[in-house]
């Protein structure tokens, strides 16, 4: 059983932390939803942020550090690559679809087709707890603030 009081105290008080385009990684991950970003102790600033408190696996991420990444009007995303989706992105996408009910490839296609602003608006709605209105963590199946199962 999860100790909700401990969880709430150990999380940054950004229950409604704004999902923004600066938090969308090249692979399509919304870093604002990551437990590494939401945690209180040494929060990660997201894929595009400073490496100081970033988990090692994010710093050395082969997708983030890919030499083939290209920039367009939406930013720097994998969908601009000639190899999209590459083997590494497919493996990451499969893991997230299976474990966390989120698809990086779908996120990237939405950004490409509708633009980053539209994607961010959709993310704010999709990842909002119906019970308390807080931002949900992609890595948990319940709201870390109120315990509501989603």
Protein backbone atom coordinates (compact mmCIF):
# COMPACT_ATOMS: atom_id res chain seq x y z
CA UNK A 1 0.00 0.00 0.00
CA UNK A 2 1.25 3.49 -0.87
CA UNK A 3 1.74 6.02 1.93
CA UNK A 4 0.00 8.99 0.26
CA UNK A 5 1.09 11.50 2.90
CA UNK A 6 4.74 10.63 2.25
CA UNK A 7 4.25 10.73 -1.52
CA UNK A 8 2.55 14.12 -1.45
CA UNK A 9 5.25 15.55 0.82
CA UNK A 10 8.01 14.15 -1.38
CA UNK A 11 6.68 15.64 -4.60
CA UNK A 12 7.18 19.17 -5.84
CA UNK A 13 4.09 21.26 -5.28
CA UNK A 14 3.32 21.52 -8.97
CA UNK A 15 0.08 19.58 -8.92
CA UNK A 16 -0.99 21.47 -11.98
CA UNK A 17 2.51 21.92 -13.37
CA UNK A 18 2.06 23.35 -16.84
CA UNK A 19 2.84 20.94 -19.61
CA UNK A 20 4.79 23.00 -22.14
CA UNK A 21 6.60 22.52 -25.43
CA UNK A 22 9.95 22.82 -23.63
CA UNK A 23 9.14 19.59 -21.79
CA UNK A 24 8.58 17.49 -24.93
CA UNK A 25 11.62 15.34 -25.72
CA UNK A 26 12.80 14.58 -29.28
CA UNK A 27 11.36 11.04 -28.89
CA UNK A 28 7.88 12.39 -28.06
CA UNK A 29 8.06 11.79 -24.31
CA UNK A 30 6.32 14.46 -22.26
CA UNK A 31 8.94 14.93 -19.54
CA UNK A 32 6.48 16.88 -17.36
CA UNK A 33 4.73 13.54 -16.72
CA UNK A 34 7.88 11.66 -15.68
CA UNK A 35 8.39 10.67 -12.05
CA UNK A 36 11.97 11.93 -12.38
CA UNK A 37 10.64 15.41 -13.08
CA UNK A 38 7.80 15.35 -10.55
CA UNK A 39 9.90 14.13 -7.60
CA UNK A 40 10.92 16.63 -4.94
CA UNK A 41 14.49 15.47 -4.37
CA UNK A 42 16.73 16.42 -7.28
CA UNK A 43 13.97 16.84 -9.88
CA UNK A 44 15.01 16.30 -13.47
CA UNK A 45 14.54 19.33 -15.71
CA UNK A 46 13.49 17.18 -18.65
CA UNK A 47 15.31 15.85 -21.68
CA UNK A 48 16.05 19.29 -23.06
CA UNK A 49 17.02 20.77 -19.69
CA UNK A 50 20.24 20.82 -17.70
CA UNK A 51 21.92 17.42 -17.16
CA UNK A 52 22.72 18.21 -13.50
CA UNK A 53 19.95 16.18 -11.83
CA UNK A 54 19.04 14.04 -14.81
CA UNK A 55 19.16 10.25 -14.38
CA UNK A 56 22.23 8.73 -16.06
CA UNK A 57 20.14 6.75 -18.56
CA UNK A 58 18.63 10.03 -19.78
CA UNK A 59 22.00 11.76 -20.11
CA UNK A 60 23.38 8.94 -22.27
CA UNK A 61 20.11 8.32 -24.15
CA UNK A 62 20.92 7.31 -27.72
CA UNK A 63 17.76 8.94 -29.04
CA UNK A 64 18.36 12.28 -27.32
CA UNK A 65 21.98 12.24 -28.49
CA UNK A 66 21.24 11.04 -32.02
CA UNK A 67 23.24 12.84 -34.69
CA UNK A 68 20.39 12.48 -37.19
CA UNK A 69 17.90 14.65 -35.26
CA UNK A 70 16.61 17.56 -37.32
CA UNK A 71 14.79 20.73 -36.34
CA UNK A 72 11.62 22.07 -37.94
CA UNK A 73 8.97 24.65 -37.00
CA UNK A 74 7.85 22.50 -34.04
CA UNK A 75 11.34 21.92 -32.61
CA UNK A 76 13.74 18.99 -32.79
CA UNK A 77 11.87 15.70 -33.07
CA UNK A 78 12.52 12.20 -34.34
CA UNK A 79 9.75 12.36 -36.95
CA UNK A 80 12.01 14.60 -39.06
CA UNK A 81 14.55 11.80 -39.46
CA UNK A 82 14.75 9.70 -42.62
CA UNK A 83 14.85 6.56 -40.40
CA UNK A 84 11.70 7.41 -38.43
CA UNK A 85 10.77 5.39 -36.53
CA UNK A 86 14.18 3.86 -35.91
CA UNK A 87 14.82 0.62 -34.04
CA UNK A 88 15.60 2.44 -30.77
CA UNK A 89 12.41 4.53 -30.93
CA UNK A 90 10.31 1.46 -31.78
CA UNK A 91 11.68 -0.38 -28.74
CA UNK A 92 11.03 2.60 -26.44
CA UNK A 93 7.55 3.06 -27.90
CA UNK A 94 6.71 -0.61 -27.37
CA UNK A 95 7.83 -0.46 -23.73
CA UNK A 96 5.80 2.68 -23.02
CA UNK A 97 2.69 1.41 -24.82
CA UNK A 98 2.88 -1.84 -22.86
CA UNK A 99 3.78 -0.52 -19.40
CA UNK A 100 2.48 3.05 -19.35
CA UNK A 101 -0.35 3.37 -21.90
CA UNK A 102 1.48 6.01 -23.93
CA UNK A 103 2.96 5.94 -27.41
CA UNK A 104 5.93 8.09 -28.33
CA UNK A 105 5.29 7.45 -32.04
CA UNK A 106 1.65 8.58 -31.71
CA UNK A 107 2.82 11.67 -29.81
CA UNK A 108 5.31 12.47 -32.56
CA UNK A 109 2.73 11.99 -35.32
CA UNK A 110 0.33 14.32 -33.50
CA UNK A 111 3.08 16.96 -33.18
CA UNK A 112 3.97 16.58 -36.87
CA UNK A 113 0.36 16.72 -38.11
CA UNK A 114 -1.19 19.21 -35.69
CA UNK A 115 1.76 21.18 -34.31
CA UNK A 116 3.37 21.36 -30.91
CA UNK A 117 0.83 23.85 -29.49
CA UNK A 118 -2.11 21.57 -30.25
CA UNK A 119 -0.26 18.58 -28.81
CA UNK A 120 0.50 20.42 -25.56
CA UNK A 121 -3.17 21.43 -25.16
CA UNK A 122 -4.24 17.81 -25.63
CA UNK A 123 -1.62 16.61 -23.12
CA UNK A 124 -2.91 19.01 -20.46
CA UNK A 125 -6.36 17.46 -20.78
CA UNK A 126 -5.26 13.85 -21.18
CA UNK A 127 -2.96 13.81 -18.15
CA UNK A 128 -5.17 15.68 -15.69
CA UNK A 129 -6.59 13.74 -12.74
CA UNK A 130 -10.38 13.64 -12.98
CA UNK A 131 -10.62 13.55 -9.20
CA UNK A 132 -8.33 16.36 -7.98
CA UNK A 133 -7.20 18.13 -11.18
CA UNK A 134 -3.48 17.47 -10.58
CA UNK A 135 -1.08 16.36 -13.27
CA UNK A 136 -0.78 12.57 -13.58
CA UNK A 137 2.52 10.72 -13.67
CA UNK A 138 2.92 8.47 -16.69
CA UNK A 139 4.90 5.99 -14.59
CA UNK A 140 2.14 5.43 -12.01
CA UNK A 141 -1.40 4.05 -12.46
CA UNK A 142 -2.83 6.27 -9.74
CA UNK A 143 -2.68 9.98 -9.04
CA UNK A 144 0.29 10.60 -6.75
CA UNK A 145 -1.63 13.41 -5.05
CA UNK A 146 -5.06 11.90 -4.28
CA UNK A 147 -4.61 8.17 -5.02
CA UNK A 148 -7.35 8.04 -7.63
CA UNK A 149 -6.83 5.13 -10.03
CA UNK A 150 -6.82 6.20 -13.66
